[in-house]
Amino acid sequence: MSTLKSSRLTIAQRLWLGLGLIFGLFALADLVSLLAASRVDTTLRTLVSGADQRREATYEMRNDLAEIIHAARRYVEDGDPQHQASLAKAETAFEQALAEYRALASTERSRDLAQETLGHYDSLKRYTEQLSRLGDQQQQALHDLAAHQRKVEALLGSMPAPAVPSRESAPIQRLILAKDLARQLRAAAREFRERMQVEEEGLHEQIERERTNFTAALARYQAAAETPAERAWAIAAARWYATITSRAREFLAAEVNQQRVLAQASAARARLDDLLAEHIQPAARAELAVAVERASRAVHEANLGITRSLVLALVLGGLAALATMRAVRAPLGQLVASSRRLADGDFSHRISSAGQDELGELTIAFNEMAEKLQTTTVSRGYLGSIVHSMGEALVVVSRMGIIHTANPAAEQLLGYEQGALP
């Protein structure tokens, strides 16, 4: 008795299972392909977005630098608080663009450049803060100067008239000295901003010349003074003029300092602009090249993953088909061999199988058929012994006249030797 090995799955189930496995593997390969494509798309989108944002941040920083220096110059020129507000706004915009660039920096080189940019900007900001302080000082000096200038009318109104004897007119020389001194006082009380716009760079020398002329005129007035009131007024006029001169000098000194600091700020801005143009932008291009290489590597890895998944699907699908074929072919071979033994008259041969699939059912049917044949069919040997022992002659002839079987009695009857007939 031979044994027919079979699984608990039917042949149809195994075929569907193999087909499902192949489809599942190809679906897995397609999923890997979609994930890889999504990864590449994300990488490229990040690449393009990051490059655009870095370029935009660099462009904004350079524009903001130009606006910072422009607002600083305008503030130095006219001291308008609106320009100071524009300066603060431009600085805030630059700081935001720099912070954005630093957040987008993806290499050590770009991070170092961002830190270097921050250092240069800190220097520039110190200069702009110093400009603001100097501007405030200049505005305060100008305010104090204008407030003191407005006292000139009260000072001139308190000028004593020249003392003269009764019924005599004042000496012409003393009147001329008083008028000359009053004219110089009024000249010193002119609005300082207007004088700066008209006289420009020669204002400091002009003030010194005016001070020298006033000192000389005051000395002549004091020499001609005859009363205590005239001498006291001359001292008050000298103090007023000294205050005017002192505050004008303070204003001009603050302006000189502003120009010096503005030049330093412009130099710092030029260094920072060169850094942006000559280093940060090339660094951004280098980062772009690195990102492109990374995207290319991602594409290559994705293609490799897809290829491996497809090859794995084909291999596993082939193995599944081979296993299914072997699972069906071996039991069928055993059934063929058992059928041949049954055809040769071996009705006692049986096939043992524990399977519950179609092959198991076929095995059970084969064993039932063999059992029935064994119980209902006479063996050839037994039939031959009966024919051989018969006393009557027996000849079996085909329709074509060919003798198939003849017993000894028939051979003796026909006169043939034993075994001469078939």
Protein backbone atom coordinates (compact mmCIF):
# COMPACT_ATOMS: atom_id res chain seq x y z
CA MET A 1 0.00 0.00 0.00
CA SER A 2 1.48 3.28 -1.06
CA THR A 3 0.96 6.58 0.73
CA LEU A 4 -0.35 9.65 -1.12
CA LYS A 5 0.76 12.81 0.65
CA SER A 6 -1.46 15.86 0.33
CA SER A 7 -2.15 19.08 2.24
CA ARG A 8 -5.40 20.16 3.82
CA LEU A 9 -5.90 22.83 1.13
CA THR A 10 -7.71 22.02 -2.07
CA ILE A 11 -5.99 22.42 -5.42
CA ALA A 12 -8.22 25.38 -6.26
CA GLN A 13 -7.42 26.95 -2.91
CA ARG A 14 -3.71 26.47 -3.50
CA LEU A 15 -3.99 27.98 -6.97
CA TRP A 16 -5.93 30.96 -5.66
CA LEU A 17 -3.46 31.31 -2.80
CA GLY A 18 -0.53 31.37 -5.21
CA LEU A 19 -2.30 33.86 -7.46
CA GLY A 20 -3.17 36.02 -4.46
CA LEU A 21 0.44 35.87 -3.28
CA ILE A 22 1.69 37.02 -6.66
CA PHE A 23 -0.85 39.86 -6.80
CA GLY A 24 -0.02 40.78 -3.22
CA LEU A 25 3.68 40.95 -3.98
CA PHE A 26 3.08 43.09 -7.04
CA ALA A 27 0.80 45.33 -4.96
CA LEU A 28 3.59 45.59 -2.41
CA ALA A 29 6.01 46.54 -5.17
CA ASP A 30 3.54 49.16 -6.40
CA LEU A 31 3.19 50.50 -2.85
CA VAL A 32 6.97 50.72 -2.56
CA SER A 33 6.97 52.57 -5.88
CA LEU A 34 4.34 55.04 -4.66
CA LEU A 35 6.17 55.61 -1.38
CA ALA A 36 9.44 56.14 -3.24
CA ALA A 37 7.77 58.56 -5.66
CA SER A 38 6.24 60.43 -2.71
CA ARG A 39 9.63 60.59 -1.03
CA VAL A 40 11.28 61.91 -4.15
CA ASP A 41 8.48 64.44 -4.64
CA THR A 42 8.81 65.61 -1.03
CA THR A 43 12.59 65.86 -1.38
CA LEU A 44 12.35 67.87 -4.60
CA ARG A 45 9.59 70.10 -3.22
CA THR A 46 11.63 70.76 -0.08
CA LEU A 47 14.67 71.38 -2.25
CA VAL A 48 12.94 73.93 -4.47
CA SER A 49 11.10 75.56 -1.58
CA GLY A 50 14.26 75.77 0.55
CA ALA A 51 16.29 77.20 -2.32
CA ASP A 52 13.61 79.80 -3.07
CA GLN A 53 13.32 80.78 0.57
CA ARG A 54 17.09 81.09 1.00
CA ARG A 55 17.36 83.17 -2.16
CA GLU A 56 14.44 85.33 -1.05
CA ALA A 57 15.97 85.76 2.42
CA THR A 58 19.31 86.84 0.90
CA TYR A 59 17.56 89.26 -1.46
CA GLU A 60 15.54 90.75 1.40
CA MET A 61 18.64 91.15 3.59
CA ARG A 62 20.43 93.10 0.88
CA ASN A 63 17.40 95.34 0.31
CA ASP A 64 17.01 95.88 4.03
CA LEU A 65 20.68 96.83 4.34
CA ALA A 66 20.24 99.51 1.68
CA GLU A 67 17.13 100.79 3.46
CA ILE A 68 18.97 100.90 6.80
CA ILE A 69 21.73 103.12 5.45
CA HIS A 70 19.26 105.27 3.49
CA ALA A 71 17.12 105.90 6.59
CA ALA A 72 20.24 106.58 8.67
CA ARG A 73 21.46 109.21 6.17
CA ARG A 74 18.08 110.89 6.03
CA TYR A 75 17.91 110.99 9.81
CA VAL A 76 21.38 112.52 10.02
CA GLU A 77 20.43 115.12 7.41
CA ASP A 78 17.18 116.44 8.89
CA GLY A 79 16.66 114.64 12.21
CA ASP A 80 13.08 113.71 11.30
CA PRO A 81 11.75 111.05 13.75
CA GLN A 82 9.98 109.34 10.82
CA HIS A 83 13.36 108.39 9.40
CA GLN A 84 14.33 106.97 12.76
CA ALA A 85 11.16 104.85 12.67
CA SER A 86 12.02 103.75 9.11
CA LEU A 87 15.48 102.76 10.34
CA ALA A 88 14.01 100.63 13.13
CA LYS A 89 11.57 99.02 10.67
CA ALA A 90 14.36 98.15 8.21
CA GLU A 91 16.44 96.65 11.03
CA THR A 92 13.52 94.48 12.14
CA ALA A 93 12.97 93.26 8.57
CA PHE A 94 16.68 92.40 8.21
CA GLU A 95 16.67 90.49 11.49
CA GLN A 96 13.63 88.48 10.38
CA ALA A 97 15.23 87.63 7.02
CA LEU A 98 18.47 86.62 8.74
CA ALA A 99 16.57 84.43 11.21
CA GLU A 100 14.79 82.77 8.30
CA TYR A 101 18.07 82.14 6.51
CA ARG A 102 19.63 80.68 9.66
CA ALA A 103 16.65 78.35 10.07
CA LEU A 104 17.03 77.17 6.46
CA ALA A 105 20.82 76.65 6.66
CA SER A 106 21.43 72.93 6.05
CA THR A 107 25.23 72.71 5.96
CA GLU A 108 27.98 73.60 8.39
CA ARG A 109 29.33 76.17 5.94
CA SER A 110 25.99 77.98 5.63
CA ARG A 111 25.52 77.99 9.40
CA ASP A 112 29.00 79.50 9.84
CA LEU A 113 28.18 82.15 7.24
CA ALA A 114 24.91 82.95 9.00
CA GLN A 115 26.79 83.38 12.27
CA GLU A 116 29.36 85.60 10.55
CA THR A 117 26.56 87.66 9.04
CA LEU A 118 25.04 88.07 12.48
CA GLY A 119 28.39 89.34 13.81
CA HIS A 120 28.69 91.96 11.05
CA TYR A 121 25.09 92.99 11.57
CA ASP A 122 25.66 93.46 15.31
CA SER A 123 28.47 95.88 14.45
CA LEU A 124 26.23 97.74 12.04
CA LYS A 125 23.45 97.91 14.59
CA ARG A 126 25.79 99.36 17.20
CA TYR A 127 26.62 102.14 14.76
CA THR A 128 22.95 102.84 14.00
CA GLU A 129 22.14 102.91 17.72
CA GLN A 130 25.02 105.35 18.21
CA LEU A 131 23.63 107.45 15.37
CA SER A 132 20.26 107.53 17.10
CA ARG A 133 21.83 108.65 20.38
CA LEU A 134 23.87 111.32 18.65
CA GLY A 135 20.77 112.45 16.80
CA ASP A 136 18.87 112.73 20.05
CA GLN A 137 21.73 114.75 21.52
CA GLN A 138 21.81 116.96 18.47
CA GLN A 139 18.07 117.52 18.58
CA GLN A 140 18.28 118.39 22.27
CA ALA A 141 21.17 120.78 21.63
CA LEU A 142 19.21 122.36 18.79
CA HIS A 143 16.14 122.68 21.00
CA ASP A 144 18.14 124.31 23.78
CA LEU A 145 19.88 126.56 21.29
CA ALA A 146 16.58 127.71 19.78
CA ALA A 147 15.12 128.32 23.24
CA HIS A 148 18.11 130.46 24.19
CA GLN A 149 18.02 132.31 20.86
CA ARG A 150 14.45 133.37 21.54
CA LYS A 151 15.73 135.36 24.55
CA VAL A 152 17.55 137.80 22.27
CA GLU A 153 14.59 140.18 21.99
CA ALA A 154 14.31 140.42 25.75
CA LEU A 155 18.04 141.02 25.93
CA LEU A 156 17.92 143.73 23.26
CA GLY A 157 14.89 145.27 24.92
CA SER A 158 16.83 145.60 28.17
CA MET A 159 19.75 147.39 26.48
CA PRO A 160 20.13 150.76 28.31
CA ALA A 161 20.06 153.89 26.30
CA PRO A 162 23.33 155.84 26.25
CA ALA A 163 23.48 158.28 29.17
CA VAL A 164 23.83 161.90 27.96
CA PRO A 165 23.69 165.32 29.67
CA SER A 166 20.38 167.13 29.58
CA ARG A 167 19.44 168.76 26.23
CA GLU A 168 22.35 167.04 24.49
CA SER A 169 22.03 164.26 21.91
CA ALA A 170 23.81 160.95 22.45
CA PRO A 171 27.22 160.76 20.87
CA ILE A 172 27.09 159.26 17.42
CA GLN A 173 29.95 156.82 18.17
CA ARG A 174 28.15 155.21 21.10
CA LEU A 175 24.94 154.78 19.08
CA ILE A 176 26.86 153.13 16.28
CA LEU A 177 28.49 150.71 18.76
CA ALA A 178 25.11 149.81 20.27
CA LYS A 179 23.53 149.18 16.86
CA ASP A 180 26.48 147.09 15.69
CA LEU A 181 26.30 144.98 18.82
CA ALA A 182 22.51 144.54 18.45
CA ARG A 183 22.96 143.50 14.79
CA GLN A 184 25.48 140.82 15.76
CA LEU A 185 23.20 139.56 18.51
CA ARG A 186 20.32 139.21 16.06
CA ALA A 187 22.63 137.43 13.56
CA ALA A 188 23.56 134.94 16.25
CA ALA A 189 19.84 134.34 16.92
CA ARG A 190 19.08 133.19 13.36
CA GLU A 191 17.49 129.71 13.01
CA PHE A 192 20.36 127.25 13.07
CA ARG A 193 18.94 124.68 10.64
CA GLU A 194 18.58 127.35 7.96
CA ARG A 195 22.16 128.47 8.54
CA MET A 196 23.35 124.89 8.12
CA GLN A 197 21.53 124.50 4.83
CA VAL A 198 22.91 127.81 3.48
CA GLU A 199 26.43 127.87 4.80
CA GLU A 200 26.97 124.07 4.92
CA GLU A 201 30.60 123.10 5.60
CA GLY A 202 31.85 126.64 6.39
CA LEU A 203 29.41 127.14 9.25
CA HIS A 204 31.90 126.30 11.98
CA GLU A 205 34.45 128.82 10.65
CA GLN A 206 31.69 131.39 10.18
CA ILE A 207 30.62 131.01 13.80
CA GLU A 208 34.21 131.52 14.95
CA ARG A 209 34.51 134.66 12.83
CA GLU A 210 31.24 135.97 14.20
CA ARG A 211 32.37 135.24 17.76
CA THR A 212 35.61 137.13 17.15
CA ASN A 213 33.71 140.09 15.69
CA PHE A 214 31.25 140.05 18.55
CA THR A 215 34.01 139.95 21.13
CA ALA A 216 35.66 142.96 19.52
CA ALA A 217 32.36 144.88 19.27
CA LEU A 218 31.51 144.04 22.86
CA ALA A 219 34.91 145.23 24.01
CA ARG A 220 34.38 148.55 22.24
CA TYR A 221 30.90 148.84 23.76
CA GLN A 222 32.24 148.12 27.24
CA ALA A 223 35.02 150.66 26.77
CA ALA A 224 32.48 153.32 25.87
CA ALA A 225 30.05 152.38 28.66
CA GLU A 226 29.59 155.13 31.21
CA THR A 227 26.95 153.74 33.55
CA PRO A 228 26.75 150.57 35.68
CA ALA A 229 23.61 149.55 33.76
CA GLU A 230 25.49 149.59 30.46
CA ARG A 231 28.35 147.59 31.91
CA ALA A 232 25.94 145.05 33.50
CA TRP A 233 24.06 144.70 30.21
CA ALA A 234 27.34 144.12 28.37
CA ILE A 235 28.13 141.25 30.78
CA ALA A 236 24.64 139.73 30.20
CA ALA A 237 25.09 140.01 26.42
CA ALA A 238 28.50 138.29 26.68
CA ARG A 239 26.96 135.44 28.69
CA TRP A 240 24.09 135.05 26.23
CA TYR A 241 26.45 134.94 23.29
CA ALA A 242 28.79 132.51 25.07
CA THR A 243 25.85 130.16 25.65
CA ILE A 244 24.80 130.45 22.01
CA THR A 245 28.34 129.68 20.85
CA SER A 246 28.70 126.75 23.27
CA ARG A 247 25.47 125.10 22.20
CA ALA A 248 26.19 125.67 18.53
CA ARG A 249 29.53 123.96 19.03
CA GLU A 250 27.79 121.07 20.76
CA PHE A 251 25.39 120.78 17.86
CA LEU A 252 28.17 120.85 15.28
CA ALA A 253 30.27 118.37 17.27
CA ALA A 254 27.33 115.99 17.39
CA GLU A 255 26.91 116.38 13.66
CA VAL A 256 30.59 115.64 13.06
CA ASN A 257 30.29 112.55 15.23
CA GLN A 258 27.18 111.54 13.32
CA GLN A 259 28.99 111.82 10.01
CA ARG A 260 31.88 109.78 11.39
CA VAL A 261 29.59 107.06 12.74
CA LEU A 262 27.55 107.14 9.52
CA ALA A 263 30.75 106.50 7.54
CA GLN A 264 31.54 103.58 9.86
CA ALA A 265 28.00 102.25 9.44
CA SER A 266 28.31 102.54 5.65
CA ALA A 267 31.59 100.61 5.75
CA ALA A 268 30.00 97.93 7.93
CA ARG A 269 27.07 97.75 5.54
CA ALA A 270 29.47 97.37 2.57
CA ARG A 271 31.28 94.50 4.31
CA LEU A 272 27.99 92.83 5.11
CA ASP A 273 26.71 93.30 1.56
CA ASP A 274 29.93 91.79 0.18
CA LEU A 275 29.49 88.82 2.49
CA LEU A 276 25.95 88.30 1.23
CA ALA A 277 26.92 88.66 -2.42
CA GLU A 278 30.25 86.81 -2.48
CA HIS A 279 29.80 84.08 0.11
CA ILE A 280 26.23 83.45 1.16
CA GLN A 281 24.79 83.25 -2.34
CA PRO A 282 27.54 80.84 -3.54
CA ALA A 283 26.95 78.82 -0.37
CA ALA A 284 23.25 78.67 -1.24
CA ARG A 285 24.18 77.35 -4.70
CA ALA A 286 26.42 74.74 -3.05
CA GLU A 287 23.55 73.71 -0.80
CA LEU A 288 21.39 73.43 -3.88
CA ALA A 289 23.91 71.08 -5.49
CA VAL A 290 24.02 68.96 -2.33
CA ALA A 291 20.23 68.82 -2.25
CA VAL A 292 20.11 67.79 -5.92
CA GLU A 293 22.58 65.01 -5.21
CA ARG A 294 20.49 63.91 -2.25
CA ALA A 295 17.36 63.88 -4.42
CA SER A 296 19.19 61.88 -7.09
CA ARG A 297 20.29 59.39 -4.45
CA ALA A 298 16.72 59.12 -3.24
CA VAL A 299 15.55 58.40 -6.79
CA HIS A 300 18.22 55.74 -7.19
CA GLU A 301 17.28 54.10 -3.90
CA ALA A 302 13.63 54.19 -4.89
CA ASN A 303 14.33 52.54 -8.23
CA LEU A 304 16.48 49.95 -6.50
CA GLY A 305 13.71 49.23 -4.00
CA ILE A 306 11.16 48.86 -6.77
CA THR A 307 13.42 46.50 -8.72
CA ARG A 308 14.09 44.39 -5.66
CA SER A 309 10.39 44.22 -4.84
CA LEU A 310 9.52 43.11 -8.36
CA VAL A 311 12.28 40.50 -8.41
CA LEU A 312 11.15 39.23 -5.02
CA ALA A 313 7.56 39.07 -6.26
CA LEU A 314 8.62 37.07 -9.31
CA VAL A 315 10.80 34.70 -7.27
CA LEU A 316 8.19 34.09 -4.60
CA GLY A 317 5.48 33.73 -7.24
CA GLY A 318 7.62 31.17 -9.07
CA LEU A 319 8.28 29.29 -5.83
CA ALA A 320 4.57 29.29 -5.05
CA ALA A 321 3.76 27.95 -8.54
CA LEU A 322 6.51 25.31 -8.23
CA ALA A 323 5.24 24.23 -4.82
CA THR A 324 1.69 23.98 -6.15
CA MET A 325 2.87 21.98 -9.16
CA ARG A 326 4.87 19.59 -7.01
CA ALA A 327 2.02 19.22 -4.56
CA VAL A 328 -0.27 18.15 -7.42
CA ARG A 329 2.18 16.28 -9.66
CA ALA A 330 3.53 13.80 -7.08
CA PRO A 331 0.11 12.49 -5.96
CA LEU A 332 -1.05 12.25 -9.59
CA GLY A 333 2.06 10.21 -10.44
CA GLN A 334 1.29 7.83 -7.62
CA LEU A 335 -2.29 7.50 -8.87
CA VAL A 336 -1.04 6.69 -12.40
CA ALA A 337 1.33 4.01 -11.09
CA SER A 338 -1.42 2.48 -8.93
CA SER A 339 -3.80 2.47 -11.92
CA ARG A 340 -1.26 0.51 -13.97
CA ARG A 341 -0.86 -2.06 -11.19
CA LEU A 342 -4.62 -2.38 -11.07
CA ALA A 343 -4.70 -2.85 -14.85
CA ASP A 344 -2.14 -5.64 -14.49
CA GLY A 345 -4.55 -7.47 -12.18
CA ASP A 346 -3.18 -6.45 -8.81
CA PHE A 347 -6.57 -5.82 -7.25
CA SER A 348 -5.14 -5.90 -3.72
CA HIS A 349 -3.15 -2.64 -4.20
CA ARG A 350 -4.47 0.35 -2.20
CA ILE A 351 -3.42 4.00 -1.81
CA SER A 352 -3.26 5.59 1.63
CA SER A 353 -4.03 9.35 1.83
CA ALA A 354 -4.89 11.70 4.64
CA GLY A 355 -5.72 14.60 2.36
CA GLN A 356 -9.13 16.22 2.12
CA ASP A 357 -8.69 17.92 -1.24
CA GLU A 358 -9.62 16.76 -4.73
CA LEU A 359 -6.69 14.31 -4.76
CA GLY A 360 -7.92 12.82 -1.49
CA GLU A 361 -11.37 12.31 -3.00
CA LEU A 362 -9.80 10.74 -6.12
CA THR A 363 -7.76 8.40 -3.91
CA ILE A 364 -10.84 7.27 -2.03
CA ALA A 365 -12.64 6.61 -5.34
CA PHE A 366 -9.66 4.62 -6.62
CA ASN A 367 -9.56 2.42 -3.50
CA GLU A 368 -13.32 1.84 -3.70
CA MET A 369 -12.98 0.81 -7.36
CA ALA A 370 -10.13 -1.58 -6.55
CA GLU A 371 -12.17 -3.07 -3.70
CA LYS A 372 -15.13 -3.72 -6.01
CA LEU A 373 -12.95 -5.19 -8.74
CA GLN A 374 -11.28 -7.47 -6.24
CA THR A 375 -14.62 -8.82 -5.04
CA THR A 376 -16.32 -9.12 -8.45
CA THR A 377 -13.56 -10.07 -10.88
CA VAL A 378 -12.07 -13.62 -11.36
CA SER A 379 -8.35 -13.63 -11.77
CA ARG A 380 -6.77 -14.77 -15.07
CA GLY A 381 -4.88 -17.60 -13.38
CA TYR A 382 -7.97 -19.01 -11.81
CA LEU A 383 -9.82 -18.85 -15.14
CA GLY A 384 -6.90 -20.51 -16.92
CA SER A 385 -6.84 -23.43 -14.50
CA ILE A 386 -10.55 -24.07 -15.06
CA VAL A 387 -10.20 -23.99 -18.86
CA HIS A 388 -7.15 -26.29 -18.68
CA SER A 389 -8.93 -28.90 -16.55
CA MET A 390 -12.07 -29.08 -18.69
CA GLY A 391 -12.73 -32.45 -20.41
CA GLU A 392 -14.63 -30.86 -23.26
CA ALA A 393 -12.81 -29.09 -26.03
CA LEU A 394 -12.81 -25.27 -25.74
CA VAL A 395 -11.50 -22.89 -28.36
CA VAL A 396 -11.83 -19.06 -28.07
CA VAL A 397 -11.68 -17.40 -31.51
CA SER A 398 -11.87 -13.69 -32.32
CA ARG A 399 -14.10 -12.18 -34.95
CA MET A 400 -11.12 -12.11 -37.26
CA GLY A 401 -10.65 -15.85 -36.91
CA ILE A 402 -7.65 -15.67 -34.66
CA ILE A 403 -7.46 -18.34 -31.91
CA HIS A 404 -6.87 -16.71 -28.54
CA THR A 405 -7.33 -19.68 -26.23
CA ALA A 406 -7.50 -23.49 -26.66
CA ASN A 407 -7.54 -26.08 -23.86
CA PRO A 408 -5.71 -29.48 -24.00
CA ALA A 409 -8.96 -31.28 -24.90
CA ALA A 410 -9.34 -29.10 -28.00
CA GLU A 411 -5.74 -29.66 -29.01
CA GLN A 412 -6.17 -33.47 -28.67
CA LEU A 413 -9.39 -33.33 -30.60
CA LEU A 414 -7.87 -31.37 -33.45
CA GLY A 415 -4.75 -33.47 -33.52
CA TYR A 416 -2.28 -30.87 -32.30
CA GLU A 417 0.42 -31.40 -29.83
CA GLN A 418 -0.05 -29.81 -26.44
CA GLY A 419 0.84 -26.15 -26.58
CA ALA A 420 0.80 -26.04 -30.38
CA LEU A 421 -2.31 -23.90 -30.35
CA PRO A 422 -2.36 -20.61 -28.52
